[in-house]
C-alpha atoms as a PDB file:
ATOM      1  CA  MET A   1     -16.847  -1.368   5.839  1.00  0.00           C
ATOM      2  CA  THR A   2     -17.093  -3.620   8.889  1.00  0.00           C
ATOM      3  CA  ASP A   3     -15.317  -2.629  12.084  1.00  0.00           C
ATOM      4  CA  ARG A   4     -11.735  -3.849  11.855  1.00  0.00           C
ATOM      5  CA  GLY A   5     -10.768  -3.161  15.436  1.00  0.00           C
ATOM      6  CA  THR A   6      -7.872  -0.961  16.478  1.00  0.00           C
ATOM      7  CA  PRO A   7      -5.482   0.311  13.783  1.00  0.00           C
ATOM      8  CA  LEU A   8      -1.875  -0.793  14.016  1.00  0.00           C
ATOM      9  CA  VAL A   9      -0.925   2.838  13.273  1.00  0.00           C
ATOM     10  CA  GLU A  10      -2.887   6.053  13.211  1.00  0.00           C
ATOM     11  CA  LEU A  11      -1.343   9.339  12.147  1.00  0.00           C
ATOM     12  CA  ARG A  12      -3.954  11.755  13.446  1.00  0.00           C
ATOM     13  CA  ASP A  13      -4.303  15.378  12.267  1.00  0.00           C
ATOM     14  CA  ILE A  14      -0.584  15.716  11.436  1.00  0.00           C
ATOM     15  CA  SER A  15       0.763  19.125  10.377  1.00  0.00           C
ATOM     16  CA  ILE A  16       4.323  20.227   9.695  1.00  0.00           C
ATOM     17  CA  ALA A  17       5.652  23.396   8.058  1.00  0.00           C
ATOM     18  CA  PHE A  18       9.039  24.441   6.721  1.00  0.00           C
ATOM     19  CA  GLY A  19       9.743  28.142   6.411  1.00  0.00           C
ATOM     20  CA  GLY A  20       6.071  29.012   6.764  1.00  0.00           C
ATOM     21  CA  ILE A  21       4.984  26.593   4.017  1.00  0.00           C
ATOM     22  CA  LYS A  22       2.759  23.752   5.223  1.00  0.00           C
ATOM     23  CA  ALA A  23       4.281  20.549   3.845  1.00  0.00           C
ATOM     24  CA  VAL A  24       1.596  18.497   5.613  1.00  0.00           C
ATOM     25  CA  ASP A  25      -1.697  20.117   6.570  1.00  0.00           C
ATOM     26  CA  HIS A  26      -3.960  18.311   9.086  1.00  0.00           C
ATOM     27  CA  VAL A  27      -3.616  14.825   7.570  1.00  0.00           C
ATOM     28  CA  THR A  28      -5.042  11.653   9.120  1.00  0.00           C
ATOM     29  CA  VAL A  29      -4.235   8.174   7.795  1.00  0.00           C
ATOM     30  CA  ASP A  30      -4.274   4.741   9.400  1.00  0.00           C
ATOM     31  CA  LEU A  31      -2.956   1.234   8.816  1.00  0.00           C
ATOM     32  CA  TYR A  32      -4.191  -2.170  10.004  1.00  0.00           C
ATOM     33  CA  PRO A  33      -2.266  -5.427  10.571  1.00  0.00           C
ATOM     34  CA  GLY A  34      -1.803  -7.460   7.391  1.00  0.00           C
ATOM     35  CA  GLU A  35      -2.558  -4.455   5.189  1.00  0.00           C
ATOM     36  CA  VAL A  36      -0.657  -2.401   2.612  1.00  0.00           C
ATOM     37  CA  VAL A  37      -1.621   1.263   2.314  1.00  0.00           C
ATOM     38  CA  GLY A  38      -0.182   3.122  -0.669  1.00  0.00           C
ATOM     39  CA  LEU A  39       0.745   6.786  -0.275  1.00  0.00           C
ATOM     40  CA  LEU A  40       0.548   8.641  -3.567  1.00  0.00           C
ATOM     41  CA  GLY A  41       0.894  12.153  -4.906  1.00  0.00           C
ATOM     42  CA  HIS A  42       3.123  14.327  -7.051  1.00  0.00           C
ATOM     43  CA  ASN A  43       6.616  15.243  -5.849  1.00  0.00           C
ATOM     44  CA  GLY A  44       6.097  17.784  -3.086  1.00  0.00           C
ATOM     45  CA  ALA A  45       2.601  16.498  -2.252  1.00  0.00           C
ATOM     46  CA  GLY A  46       3.735  15.771   1.315  1.00  0.00           C
ATOM     47  CA  LYS A  47       3.624  11.976   1.400  1.00  0.00           C
ATOM     48  CA  SER A  48       7.304  11.468   2.278  1.00  0.00           C
ATOM     49  CA  THR A  49       7.202  14.269   4.854  1.00  0.00           C
ATOM     50  CA  LEU A  50       4.129  12.728   6.493  1.00  0.00           C
ATOM     51  CA  ILE A  51       5.734   9.320   6.751  1.00  0.00           C
ATOM     52  CA  LYS A  52       8.976  10.787   8.142  1.00  0.00           C
ATOM     53  CA  CYS A  53       6.909  11.889  11.141  1.00  0.00           C
ATOM     54  CA  LEU A  54       6.301   8.182  11.751  1.00  0.00           C
ATOM     55  CA  SER A  55       9.893   7.067  11.084  1.00  0.00           C
ATOM     56  CA  GLY A  56      11.305   9.692  13.462  1.00  0.00           C
ATOM     57  CA  ALA A  57      13.169  11.673  10.795  1.00  0.00           C
ATOM     58  CA  TYR A  58      10.871  14.683  11.425  1.00  0.00           C
ATOM     59  CA  GLN A  59       8.757  15.838  14.350  1.00  0.00           C
ATOM     60  CA  ALA A  60       5.294  17.111  13.501  1.00  0.00           C
ATOM     61  CA  ASP A  61       4.349  20.629  14.594  1.00  0.00           C
ATOM     62  CA  SER A  62       0.935  19.318  15.656  1.00  0.00           C
ATOM     63  CA  GLY A  63      -1.060  16.096  15.608  1.00  0.00           C
ATOM     64  CA  GLU A  64      -0.570  12.733  17.260  1.00  0.00           C
ATOM     65  CA  VAL A  65       0.691   9.251  16.437  1.00  0.00           C
ATOM     66  CA  TYR A  66      -1.052   6.192  17.868  1.00  0.00           C
ATOM     67  CA  ILE A  67       0.396   2.668  17.795  1.00  0.00           C
ATOM     68  CA  ASN A  68      -2.068  -0.119  18.658  1.00  0.00           C
ATOM     69  CA  GLY A  69      -4.452   2.523  19.996  1.00  0.00           C
ATOM     70  CA  GLU A  70      -1.940   4.111  22.381  1.00  0.00           C
ATOM     71  CA  ARG A  71      -0.302   7.508  22.025  1.00  0.00           C
ATOM     72  CA  ALA A  72       3.278   7.147  20.796  1.00  0.00           C
ATOM     73  CA  VAL A  73       6.095   9.641  21.258  1.00  0.00           C
ATOM     74  CA  ILE A  74       8.489   9.413  18.304  1.00  0.00           C
ATOM     75  CA  GLU A  75      11.235  12.018  18.367  1.00  0.00           C
ATOM     76  CA  ASN A  76      13.941  10.154  16.428  1.00  0.00           C
ATOM     77  CA  PRO A  77      14.525   6.919  14.480  1.00  0.00           C
ATOM     78  CA  ARG A  78      15.551   5.108  17.681  1.00  0.00           C
ATOM     79  CA  ASP A  79      12.133   5.833  19.166  1.00  0.00           C
ATOM     80  CA  ALA A  80      10.497   4.498  15.984  1.00  0.00           C
ATOM     81  CA  ARG A  81      12.423   1.228  16.295  1.00  0.00           C
ATOM     82  CA  ARG A  82      11.206   0.852  19.868  1.00  0.00           C
ATOM     83  CA  TYR A  83       7.689   0.837  18.434  1.00  0.00           C
ATOM     84  CA  ASN A  84       8.786  -1.835  15.906  1.00  0.00           C
ATOM     85  CA  ILE A  85       8.736   0.629  13.000  1.00  0.00           C
ATOM     86  CA  GLU A  86      11.364   0.045  10.317  1.00  0.00           C
ATOM     87  CA  THR A  87      11.969   2.032   7.139  1.00  0.00           C
ATOM     88  CA  ILE A  88      13.350   0.620   3.895  1.00  0.00           C
ATOM     89  CA  TYR A  89      14.537   3.557   1.835  1.00  0.00           C
ATOM     90  CA  GLN A  90      14.957   3.446  -1.928  1.00  0.00           C
ATOM     91  CA  THR A  91      18.738   3.419  -1.442  1.00  0.00           C
ATOM     92  CA  LEU A  92      18.311   0.349   0.870  1.00  0.00           C
ATOM     93  CA  ALA A  93      21.267   1.479   3.058  1.00  0.00           C
ATOM     94  CA  LEU A  94      23.227  -1.711   2.398  1.00  0.00           C
ATOM     95  CA  ALA A  95      27.019  -2.002   2.652  1.00  0.00           C
ATOM     96  CA  ASP A  96      27.914  -3.196  -0.857  1.00  0.00           C
ATOM     97  CA  ASN A  97      31.194  -4.867   0.148  1.00  0.00           C
ATOM     98  CA  LEU A  98      29.575  -7.081   2.814  1.00  0.00           C
ATOM     99  CA  ASP A  99      27.542 -10.267   2.400  1.00  0.00           C
ATOM    100  CA  ALA A 100      23.867 -10.739   3.320  1.00  0.00           C
ATOM    101  CA  ALA A 101      24.481 -11.825   6.930  1.00  0.00           C
ATOM    102  CA  SER A 102      26.909  -8.972   7.647  1.00  0.00           C
ATOM    103  CA  ASN A 103      24.338  -6.516   6.264  1.00  0.00           C
ATOM    104  CA  LEU A 104      21.475  -8.052   8.199  1.00  0.00           C
ATOM    105  CA  PHE A 105      23.359  -7.633  11.486  1.00  0.00           C
ATOM    106  CA  LEU A 106      25.225  -4.416  10.600  1.00  0.00           C
ATOM    107  CA  GLY A 107      25.600  -2.444  13.831  1.00  0.00           C
ATOM    108  CA  ARG A 108      23.802  -5.221  15.755  1.00  0.00           C
ATOM    109  CA  GLU A 109      26.324  -8.048  15.324  1.00  0.00           C
ATOM    110  CA  LEU A 110      25.937 -11.298  17.235  1.00  0.00           C
ATOM    111  CA  VAL A 111      28.949 -12.102  19.410  1.00  0.00           C
ATOM    112  CA  SER A 112      30.301 -15.304  20.899  1.00  0.00           C
ATOM    113  CA  PRO A 113      30.777 -15.783  24.686  1.00  0.00           C
ATOM    114  CA  ARG A 114      34.384 -14.675  24.105  1.00  0.00           C
ATOM    115  CA  GLY A 115      33.196 -11.370  22.672  1.00  0.00           C
ATOM    116  CA  LEU A 116      34.086 -12.117  19.043  1.00  0.00           C
ATOM    117  CA  VAL A 117      31.724 -11.549  16.113  1.00  0.00           C
ATOM    118  CA  ASP A 118      29.900 -14.843  15.567  1.00  0.00           C
ATOM    119  CA  ASP A 119      29.847 -15.118  11.752  1.00  0.00           C
ATOM    120  CA  VAL A 120      28.596 -18.723  11.779  1.00  0.00           C
ATOM    121  CA  ARG A 121      25.567 -17.910  13.919  1.00  0.00           C
ATOM    122  CA  MET A 122      24.798 -14.767  11.917  1.00  0.00           C
ATOM    123  CA  GLU A 123      24.804 -16.755   8.662  1.00  0.00           C
ATOM    124  CA  ALA A 124      22.605 -19.452  10.220  1.00  0.00           C
ATOM    125  CA  GLU A 125      20.100 -16.821  11.400  1.00  0.00           C
ATOM    126  CA  THR A 126      20.161 -15.160   7.967  1.00  0.00           C
ATOM    127  CA  ARG A 127      19.454 -18.490   6.263  1.00  0.00           C
ATOM    128  CA  LYS A 128      16.531 -19.035   8.658  1.00  0.00           C
ATOM    129  CA  ILE A 129      14.858 -15.681   7.998  1.00  0.00           C
ATOM    130  CA  MET A 130      15.485 -15.944   4.240  1.00  0.00           C
ATOM    131  CA  ALA A 131      13.892 -19.404   4.179  1.00  0.00           C
ATOM    132  CA  ARG A 132      10.774 -17.727   5.542  1.00  0.00           C
ATOM    133  CA  LEU A 133      10.795 -14.711   3.226  1.00  0.00           C
ATOM    134  CA  ASN A 134      12.522 -15.747   0.002  1.00  0.00           C
ATOM    135  CA  PRO A 135      13.245 -19.499  -0.149  1.00  0.00           C
ATOM    136  CA  ASN A 136      14.961 -19.101  -3.557  1.00  0.00           C
ATOM    137  CA  PHE A 137      17.686 -16.869  -2.099  1.00  0.00           C
ATOM    138  CA  ARG A 138      21.007 -18.721  -2.381  1.00  0.00           C
ATOM    139  CA  LYS A 139      23.773 -16.089  -2.529  1.00  0.00           C
ATOM    140  CA  PHE A 140      24.793 -15.964   1.109  1.00  0.00           C
ATOM    141  CA  ASN A 141      28.552 -15.724   0.617  1.00  0.00           C
ATOM    142  CA  VAL A 142      28.945 -12.937  -1.931  1.00  0.00           C
ATOM    143  CA  PRO A 143      28.983  -9.159  -1.416  1.00  0.00           C
ATOM    144  CA  VAL A 144      25.500  -7.659  -1.829  1.00  0.00           C
ATOM    145  CA  SER A 145      26.903  -5.603  -4.730  1.00  0.00           C
ATOM    146  CA  ALA A 146      26.750  -8.874  -6.714  1.00  0.00           C
ATOM    147  CA  LEU A 147      23.019  -9.330  -5.998  1.00  0.00           C
ATOM    148  CA  SER A 148      20.116  -8.327  -8.230  1.00  0.00           C
ATOM    149  CA  GLY A 149      17.793  -5.506  -7.214  1.00  0.00           C
ATOM    150  CA  GLY A 150      15.124  -7.904  -5.967  1.00  0.00           C
ATOM    151  CA  GLN A 151      17.653  -9.898  -3.945  1.00  0.00           C
ATOM    152  CA  ARG A 152      18.968  -6.693  -2.369  1.00  0.00           C
ATOM    153  CA  GLN A 153      15.390  -5.792  -1.406  1.00  0.00           C
ATOM    154  CA  SER A 154      15.133  -9.259   0.183  1.00  0.00           C
ATOM    155  CA  VAL A 155      18.170  -8.523   2.372  1.00  0.00           C
ATOM    156  CA  ALA A 156      16.803  -5.117   3.440  1.00  0.00           C
ATOM    157  CA  ILE A 157      13.369  -6.584   4.225  1.00  0.00           C
ATOM    158  CA  ALA A 158      14.893  -9.548   6.090  1.00  0.00           C
ATOM    159  CA  ARG A 159      16.878  -7.138   8.270  1.00  0.00           C
ATOM    160  CA  ALA A 160      13.700  -5.268   9.221  1.00  0.00           C
ATOM    161  CA  VAL A 161      11.687  -8.426   9.895  1.00  0.00           C
ATOM    162  CA  TYR A 162      14.457 -10.138  11.879  1.00  0.00           C
ATOM    163  CA  PHE A 163      14.488  -7.222  14.293  1.00  0.00           C
ATOM    164  CA  ASN A 164      10.746  -7.552  14.900  1.00  0.00           C
ATOM    165  CA  ALA A 165       9.313  -4.891  12.614  1.00  0.00           C
ATOM    166  CA  ARG A 166       5.518  -4.809  12.820  1.00  0.00           C
ATOM    167  CA  ILE A 167       5.185  -1.601  10.827  1.00  0.00           C
ATOM    168  CA  LEU A 168       7.177  -1.297   7.625  1.00  0.00           C
ATOM    169  CA  ILE A 169       7.662   1.853   5.565  1.00  0.00           C
ATOM    170  CA  MET A 170       8.766   1.062   2.001  1.00  0.00           C
ATOM    171  CA  ASP A 171       9.869   3.818  -0.359  1.00  0.00           C
ATOM    172  CA  GLU A 172       9.202   2.784  -3.978  1.00  0.00           C
ATOM    173  CA  PRO A 173      10.499  -0.774  -3.491  1.00  0.00           C
ATOM    174  CA  THR A 174      10.178  -1.734  -7.176  1.00  0.00           C
ATOM    175  CA  ALA A 175      11.738   1.411  -8.674  1.00  0.00           C
ATOM    176  CA  ALA A 176      14.271   0.502 -11.392  1.00  0.00           C
ATOM    177  CA  LEU A 177      13.451  -3.221 -11.155  1.00  0.00           C
ATOM    178  CA  GLY A 178      12.513  -5.420 -14.119  1.00  0.00           C
ATOM    179  CA  PRO A 179       9.281  -7.470 -14.261  1.00  0.00           C
ATOM    180  CA  HIS A 180      10.792 -10.608 -12.675  1.00  0.00           C
ATOM    181  CA  GLU A 181      12.374  -8.620  -9.832  1.00  0.00           C
ATOM    182  CA  THR A 182       9.172  -6.645  -9.311  1.00  0.00           C
ATOM    183  CA  GLN A 183       7.262  -9.910  -8.977  1.00  0.00           C
ATOM    184  CA  MET A 184       9.804 -11.107  -6.396  1.00  0.00           C
ATOM    185  CA  VAL A 185       9.200  -7.991  -4.293  1.00  0.00           C
ATOM    186  CA  ALA A 186       5.417  -8.399  -4.698  1.00  0.00           C
ATOM    187  CA  GLU A 187       5.705 -11.941  -3.326  1.00  0.00           C
ATOM    188  CA  LEU A 188       7.783 -10.683  -0.395  1.00  0.00           C
ATOM    189  CA  ILE A 189       5.108  -8.087   0.396  1.00  0.00           C
ATOM    190  CA  GLU A 190       2.396 -10.778   0.275  1.00  0.00           C
ATOM    191  CA  GLU A 191       4.428 -12.893   2.708  1.00  0.00           C
ATOM    192  CA  LEU A 192       4.830  -9.947   5.098  1.00  0.00           C
ATOM    193  CA  LYS A 193       1.074  -9.288   4.957  1.00  0.00           C
ATOM    194  CA  ALA A 194       0.408 -12.952   5.770  1.00  0.00           C
ATOM    195  CA  GLN A 195       2.629 -12.566   8.839  1.00  0.00           C
ATOM    196  CA  GLY A 196       0.463  -9.660  10.032  1.00  0.00           C
ATOM    197  CA  LEU A 197       2.803  -6.762   9.307  1.00  0.00           C
ATOM    198  CA  GLY A 198       1.353  -3.432   8.235  1.00  0.00           C
ATOM    199  CA  ILE A 199       3.074  -1.677   5.340  1.00  0.00           C
ATOM    200  CA  PHE A 200       3.023   1.943   4.215  1.00  0.00           C
ATOM    201  CA  LEU A 201       4.106   1.952   0.574  1.00  0.00           C
ATOM    202  CA  ILE A 202       5.276   5.282  -0.883  1.00  0.00           C
ATOM    203  CA  GLU A 203       4.662   4.947  -4.615  1.00  0.00           C
ATOM    204  CA  HIS A 204       4.503   6.889  -7.878  1.00  0.00           C
ATOM    205  CA  ASP A 205       3.411   3.988 -10.073  1.00  0.00           C
ATOM    206  CA  ILE A 206      -0.372   3.595  -9.983  1.00  0.00           C
ATOM    207  CA  HIS A 207      -0.138   0.086 -11.491  1.00  0.00           C
ATOM    208  CA  ASN A 208       2.006  -1.027  -8.524  1.00  0.00           C
ATOM    209  CA  VAL A 209      -0.511   0.477  -6.124  1.00  0.00           C
ATOM    210  CA  MET A 210      -3.378  -1.381  -7.805  1.00  0.00           C
ATOM    211  CA  LYS A 211      -1.379  -4.602  -7.637  1.00  0.00           C
ATOM    212  CA  LEU A 212       0.213  -4.372  -4.188  1.00  0.00           C
ATOM    213  CA  CYS A 213      -2.055  -2.226  -1.996  1.00  0.00           C
ATOM    214  CA  ASP A 214      -5.321  -2.749  -0.142  1.00  0.00           C
ATOM    215  CA  ARG A 215      -6.012   0.947   0.251  1.00  0.00           C
ATOM    216  CA  ALA A 216      -4.541   4.101  -1.273  1.00  0.00           C
ATOM    217  CA  SER A 217      -4.210   7.504   0.414  1.00  0.00           C
ATOM    218  CA  VAL A 218      -3.648  10.353  -2.018  1.00  0.00           C
ATOM    219  CA  MET A 219      -2.081  13.686  -1.066  1.00  0.00           C
ATOM    220  CA  LYS A 220      -1.963  16.972  -2.963  1.00  0.00           C
ATOM    221  CA  ASN A 221      -0.363  20.238  -1.814  1.00  0.00           C
ATOM    222  CA  GLY A 222       0.156  18.876   1.694  1.00  0.00           C
ATOM    223  CA  GLN A 223      -3.469  17.849   2.190  1.00  0.00           C
ATOM    224  CA  LEU A 224      -5.178  14.484   2.073  1.00  0.00           C
ATOM    225  CA  VAL A 225      -7.424  14.180  -0.990  1.00  0.00           C
ATOM    226  CA  GLY A 226      -8.842  10.941   0.362  1.00  0.00           C
ATOM    227  CA  THR A 227      -8.320   7.258   1.109  1.00  0.00           C
ATOM    228  CA  VAL A 228      -9.941   4.614  -1.099  1.00  0.00           C
ATOM    229  CA  ASN A 229     -10.192   0.829  -1.199  1.00  0.00           C
ATOM    230  CA  VAL A 230      -8.129  -0.192  -4.213  1.00  0.00           C
ATOM    231  CA  ASN A 231     -10.580  -2.907  -5.271  1.00  0.00           C
ATOM    232  CA  GLU A 232     -13.383  -0.320  -5.509  1.00  0.00           C
ATOM    233  CA  VAL A 233     -11.650   2.167  -7.844  1.00  0.00           C
ATOM    234  CA  THR A 234      -9.882   2.258 -11.204  1.00  0.00           C
ATOM    235  CA  ASP A 235      -6.462   3.563 -12.239  1.00  0.00           C
ATOM    236  CA  GLU A 236      -8.284   6.599 -13.679  1.00  0.00           C
ATOM    237  CA  ASP A 237     -10.011   7.302 -10.364  1.00  0.00           C
ATOM    238  CA  ILE A 238      -6.670   7.417  -8.532  1.00  0.00           C
ATOM    239  CA  LEU A 239      -5.102   9.493 -11.307  1.00  0.00           C
ATOM    240  CA  GLY A 240      -7.952  11.986 -10.929  1.00  0.00           C
ATOM    241  CA  MET A 241      -7.273  12.199  -7.212  1.00  0.00           C
ATOM    242  CA  ILE A 242      -3.573  12.896  -7.848  1.00  0.00           C
ATOM    243  CA  ILE A 243      -4.029  15.436 -10.655  1.00  0.00           C
ATOM    244  CA  LEU A 244      -7.356  17.103  -9.843  1.00  0.00           C
ATOM    245  CA  GLY A 245      -7.459  16.562  -6.090  1.00  0.00           C
ATOM    246  CA  LYS A 246     -10.970  15.108  -6.406  1.00  0.00           C
ATOM    247  CA  GLN A 247     -12.524  12.054  -4.788  1.00  0.00           C
ATOM    248  CA  PRO A 248     -13.868   9.452  -7.260  1.00  0.00           C
ATOM    249  CA  GLU A 249     -17.534   9.727  -8.183  1.00  0.00           C
ATOM    250  CA  LYS A 250     -19.658   7.301  -6.202  1.00  0.00           C
ATOM    251  CA  THR A 251     -21.400   4.777  -8.459  1.00  0.00           C
ATOM    252  CA  ALA A 252     -24.864   3.537  -7.605  1.00  0.00           C
END
């Protein structure tokens, strides 16, 4: 592979244990701008724990995090946000009774010079970011509980991007979505890549990884089995990494 410059993110030699059991054991993964890296493995493999060391939910016992080649200190989610890291959890953390704009600015509301919440400006800003990410989004004035799964993902992604995310952590973004909704999320991810964001995608579905990711890092029993270029391997190769903990055979 040609030299790609400095990674956007590097998790270097990360280890973390709970009650004497190593959940993550000396794992190194990286991520470049405009790239999606899938993190795979059985439940308990350590992928979510590893990524929580980046999102600030956990602190690693050892190892280092580098952002744009510089050592980063991430002790909590607020620190992660300062490094333009945003996490979109499977639950999406949306307030069902509020509309898209109110969710986008939840806890970070825009206010008028008189100190009142500026609903008009918040809706205008929401329409602007949605025009960039999902031009077909039209339901600005209904509670997000009335939106489809793909539309709800759009709102969660728009919130992250509006507040200058450069590094996005997505936890199974297409889980429980139908084919049309899954395609909508795939298009959103392509748009984010085009804008130079880097995305860590925690996934169980190998087909989604093959479709959405540039590289895949597979974990087993807290250790990194390996990282592969998706276009150089098959579904079976990745399955073998997950189940057997073996790197794919090199073909001549």
